[in-house]
Protein backbone atom coordinates (compact mmCIF):
# COMPACT_ATOMS: atom_id res chain seq x y z
CA UNK A 1 154.09 66.56 92.82
CA UNK A 2 152.86 69.71 94.58
CA UNK A 3 149.19 70.31 94.68
CA UNK A 4 147.98 73.84 93.90
CA UNK A 5 145.10 75.30 95.84
CA UNK A 6 142.32 76.53 93.62
CA UNK A 7 141.46 80.09 94.56
CA UNK A 8 138.08 81.45 93.67
CA UNK A 9 138.43 84.82 92.03
CA UNK A 10 135.20 86.72 91.53
CA UNK A 11 134.62 89.01 88.63
CA UNK A 12 135.19 92.67 89.63
CA UNK A 13 131.69 93.63 88.49
CA UNK A 14 129.91 90.68 90.10
CA UNK A 15 126.75 91.62 91.95
CA UNK A 16 127.22 90.85 95.61
CA UNK A 17 124.53 91.31 98.27
CA UNK A 18 126.31 94.44 99.50
CA UNK A 19 126.46 95.98 96.01
CA UNK A 20 122.80 95.11 95.46
CA UNK A 21 121.81 96.77 98.76
CA UNK A 22 123.83 99.88 97.91
CA UNK A 23 122.21 100.04 94.46
CA UNK A 24 118.70 99.74 95.89
CA UNK A 25 119.44 102.36 98.56
CA UNK A 26 120.80 104.74 95.92
CA UNK A 27 117.72 104.24 93.72
CA UNK A 28 115.40 104.93 96.67
CA UNK A 29 117.38 108.03 97.63
CA UNK A 30 117.38 109.41 94.08
CA UNK A 31 113.69 108.62 93.57
CA UNK A 32 112.76 110.22 96.88
CA UNK A 33 114.76 113.33 96.04
CA UNK A 34 112.98 113.73 92.70
CA UNK A 35 109.60 113.18 94.35
CA UNK A 36 110.29 115.91 96.91
CA UNK A 37 111.59 118.38 94.31
CA UNK A 38 108.71 117.87 91.87
CA UNK A 39 106.32 120.81 91.62
CA UNK A 40 103.06 120.37 93.51
CA UNK A 41 100.03 119.27 91.54
CA UNK A 42 97.50 122.05 90.98
CA UNK A 43 94.02 121.36 92.20
CA UNK A 44 90.67 123.06 91.99
CA UNK A 45 89.09 124.62 95.03
CA UNK A 46 85.36 123.87 95.10
CA UNK A 47 84.78 126.77 97.50
CA UNK A 48 85.51 129.15 94.59
CA UNK A 49 82.69 127.57 92.60
CA UNK A 50 80.38 127.98 95.60
CA UNK A 51 81.55 131.57 96.17
CA UNK A 52 81.18 132.66 92.53
CA UNK A 53 78.22 130.41 91.63
CA UNK A 54 80.16 129.46 88.48
CA UNK A 55 80.98 125.94 87.28
CA UNK A 56 84.57 124.69 87.71
CA UNK A 57 84.92 124.61 83.91
CA UNK A 58 84.58 128.41 83.85
CA UNK A 59 88.11 128.77 85.25
CA UNK A 60 89.60 125.38 84.30
CA UNK A 61 89.99 123.69 80.93
CA UNK A 62 88.65 120.50 82.53
CA UNK A 63 84.90 120.75 83.22
CA UNK A 64 85.41 118.97 86.55
CA UNK A 65 88.05 121.50 87.64
CA UNK A 66 91.77 121.23 88.26
CA UNK A 67 94.57 121.47 85.75
CA UNK A 68 95.19 124.35 83.38
CA UNK A 69 93.32 127.60 83.72
CA UNK A 70 91.26 129.27 81.02
CA UNK A 71 91.74 132.96 80.20
CA UNK A 72 88.89 133.71 82.62
CA UNK A 73 90.56 131.59 85.31
CA UNK A 74 93.89 133.40 84.87
CA UNK A 75 92.15 136.78 85.22
CA UNK A 76 90.22 135.53 88.26
CA UNK A 77 93.45 134.39 89.91
CA UNK A 78 95.29 137.64 89.05
CA UNK A 79 92.39 139.62 90.54
CA UNK A 80 92.79 137.98 93.97
CA UNK A 81 90.12 135.35 93.29
CA UNK A 82 87.37 137.93 92.81
CA UNK A 83 84.98 138.24 89.87
CA UNK A 84 84.74 141.78 88.55
């Protein structure tokens, strides 16, 4: 009686170390691309508060500065950062 060799056949979608490494590298590449393409975060400039002698909350919706501008802040920015 002839003996048959048992061949191990892996599933085509089995996660191998190479496939795992490629997946991690792709995730890092995609994440890095999105991080570089994201718009920069707006920040307040304390020197404007010193220059104008106004609180940060005069131009920004947050009293501590940064973030969205108020109507006054938008006018200040449009006027070249000068108070009329």
